[in-house]
Amino acid sequence: MQHNKQQQHKQQQQQQHKQQQHQNQQHEEQNQNQQQHDQQHEQLLLHDQQQQQQQHDQQQQQQQQQRDQQQQQQQQQQS
């Protein structure tokens, strides 16, 4: 008899646990949506910064390349 009671108790606990999980999941999803939204916002900000950084880098590279090309052209002209 004792054994059965324990079984029943276990099942009840499991069911409660499942319900709890379900509620938690819903709550989690809402949280995740909020987080995703925040993350997207952060990513956008980051993205902007990165792009600016990249543009800056690219500009520097281009300037470097132009300088190189000019030097090459000058050398060619001299020869």
C-alpha atoms as a PDB file:
ATOM      1  CA  MET A   1       0.000   0.000   0.000  1.00  0.00           C
ATOM      2  CA  GLN A   2       2.794   2.280   0.947  1.00  0.00           C
ATOM      3  CA  HIS A   3       4.349   1.624  -2.430  1.00  0.00           C
ATOM      4  CA  ASN A   4       1.214   2.689  -4.293  1.00  0.00           C
ATOM      5  CA  LYS A   5       0.944   5.864  -2.345  1.00  0.00           C
ATOM      6  CA  GLN A   6       4.474   6.743  -3.254  1.00  0.00           C
ATOM      7  CA  GLN A   7       3.709   6.037  -6.902  1.00  0.00           C
ATOM      8  CA  GLN A   8       0.681   8.287  -6.845  1.00  0.00           C
ATOM      9  CA  HIS A   9       2.606  10.957  -5.096  1.00  0.00           C
ATOM     10  CA  LYS A  10       5.322  10.691  -7.688  1.00  0.00           C
ATOM     11  CA  GLN A  11       2.877  10.991 -10.549  1.00  0.00           C
ATOM     12  CA  GLN A  12       1.274  14.017  -9.001  1.00  0.00           C
ATOM     13  CA  GLN A  13       4.632  15.610  -8.585  1.00  0.00           C
ATOM     14  CA  GLN A  14       5.484  14.861 -12.188  1.00  0.00           C
ATOM     15  CA  GLN A  15       2.254  16.352 -13.408  1.00  0.00           C
ATOM     16  CA  GLN A  16       2.723  19.424 -11.334  1.00  0.00           C
ATOM     17  CA  HIS A  17       6.224  19.592 -12.622  1.00  0.00           C
ATOM     18  CA  LYS A  18       4.986  19.389 -16.198  1.00  0.00           C
ATOM     19  CA  GLN A  19       2.475  22.128 -15.669  1.00  0.00           C
ATOM     20  CA  GLN A  20       5.110  24.197 -14.015  1.00  0.00           C
ATOM     21  CA  GLN A  21       7.443  23.582 -16.918  1.00  0.00           C
ATOM     22  CA  HIS A  22       4.788  24.570 -19.359  1.00  0.00           C
ATOM     23  CA  GLN A  23       4.155  27.818 -17.560  1.00  0.00           C
ATOM     24  CA  ASN A  24       7.847  28.366 -17.329  1.00  0.00           C
ATOM     25  CA  GLN A  25       8.213  27.762 -21.025  1.00  0.00           C
ATOM     26  CA  GLN A  26       5.598  30.320 -21.879  1.00  0.00           C
ATOM     27  CA  HIS A  27       7.264  32.723 -19.574  1.00  0.00           C
ATOM     28  CA  GLU A  28      10.639  31.845 -21.046  1.00  0.00           C
ATOM     29  CA  GLU A  29       9.376  32.451 -24.553  1.00  0.00           C
ATOM     30  CA  GLN A  30       8.153  35.875 -23.600  1.00  0.00           C
ATOM     31  CA  ASN A  31      11.479  36.547 -21.985  1.00  0.00           C
ATOM     32  CA  GLN A  32      13.341  35.281 -24.990  1.00  0.00           C
ATOM     33  CA  ASN A  33      11.336  37.476 -27.275  1.00  0.00           C
ATOM     34  CA  GLN A  34      12.214  40.413 -25.128  1.00  0.00           C
ATOM     35  CA  GLN A  35      15.837  39.322 -25.071  1.00  0.00           C
ATOM     36  CA  GLN A  36      15.901  38.783 -28.794  1.00  0.00           C
ATOM     37  CA  HIS A  37      14.509  42.206 -29.247  1.00  0.00           C
ATOM     38  CA  ASP A  38      17.171  43.643 -26.971  1.00  0.00           C
ATOM     39  CA  GLN A  39      19.857  41.639 -28.698  1.00  0.00           C
ATOM     40  CA  GLN A  40      18.714  42.757 -32.103  1.00  0.00           C
ATOM     41  CA  HIS A  41      18.869  46.289 -30.893  1.00  0.00           C
ATOM     42  CA  GLU A  42      22.351  45.730 -29.499  1.00  0.00           C
ATOM     43  CA  GLN A  43      23.416  43.996 -32.669  1.00  0.00           C
ATOM     44  CA  LEU A  44      22.166  46.892 -34.709  1.00  0.00           C
ATOM     45  CA  LEU A  45      24.135  49.275 -32.584  1.00  0.00           C
ATOM     46  CA  LEU A  46      27.158  47.045 -32.790  1.00  0.00           C
ATOM     47  CA  HIS A  47      26.622  46.618 -36.459  1.00  0.00           C
ATOM     48  CA  ASP A  48      26.632  50.362 -36.916  1.00  0.00           C
ATOM     49  CA  GLN A  49      29.832  50.694 -34.968  1.00  0.00           C
ATOM     50  CA  GLN A  50      31.418  47.846 -36.855  1.00  0.00           C
ATOM     51  CA  GLN A  51      30.375  49.263 -40.167  1.00  0.00           C
ATOM     52  CA  GLN A  52      31.786  52.620 -39.306  1.00  0.00           C
ATOM     53  CA  GLN A  53      34.960  50.929 -38.196  1.00  0.00           C
ATOM     54  CA  GLN A  54      35.044  48.904 -41.398  1.00  0.00           C
ATOM     55  CA  GLN A  55      34.410  51.942 -43.522  1.00  0.00           C
ATOM     56  CA  HIS A  56      37.160  53.684 -41.716  1.00  0.00           C
ATOM     57  CA  ASP A  57      39.474  50.731 -42.289  1.00  0.00           C
ATOM     58  CA  GLN A  58      38.489  50.506 -45.917  1.00  0.00           C
ATOM     59  CA  GLN A  59      39.101  54.162 -46.463  1.00  0.00           C
ATOM     60  CA  GLN A  60      42.533  53.835 -44.969  1.00  0.00           C
ATOM     61  CA  GLN A  61      43.240  50.818 -47.126  1.00  0.00           C
ATOM     62  CA  GLN A  62      42.041  52.589 -50.225  1.00  0.00           C
ATOM     63  CA  GLN A  63      44.183  55.569 -49.467  1.00  0.00           C
ATOM     64  CA  GLN A  64      47.103  53.237 -48.985  1.00  0.00           C
ATOM     65  CA  GLN A  65      46.363  51.534 -52.283  1.00  0.00           C
ATOM     66  CA  GLN A  66      46.044  54.831 -54.106  1.00  0.00           C
ATOM     67  CA  ARG A  67      49.366  55.901 -52.722  1.00  0.00           C
ATOM     68  CA  ASP A  68      50.916  52.651 -53.831  1.00  0.00           C
ATOM     69  CA  GLN A  69      49.435  53.017 -57.295  1.00  0.00           C
ATOM     70  CA  GLN A  70      50.655  56.561 -57.610  1.00  0.00           C
ATOM     71  CA  GLN A  71      54.137  55.498 -56.640  1.00  0.00           C
ATOM     72  CA  GLN A  72      54.012  52.707 -59.196  1.00  0.00           C
ATOM     73  CA  GLN A  73      52.822  55.064 -61.885  1.00  0.00           C
ATOM     74  CA  GLN A  74      55.583  57.496 -61.079  1.00  0.00           C
ATOM     75  CA  GLN A  75      58.118  54.722 -61.314  1.00  0.00           C
ATOM     76  CA  GLN A  76      56.713  53.646 -64.655  1.00  0.00           C
ATOM     77  CA  GLN A  77      56.812  57.167 -65.966  1.00  0.00           C
ATOM     78  CA  GLN A  78      60.395  57.576 -64.903  1.00  0.00           C
ATOM     79  CA  SER A  79      61.380  54.449 -66.705  1.00  0.00           C
END
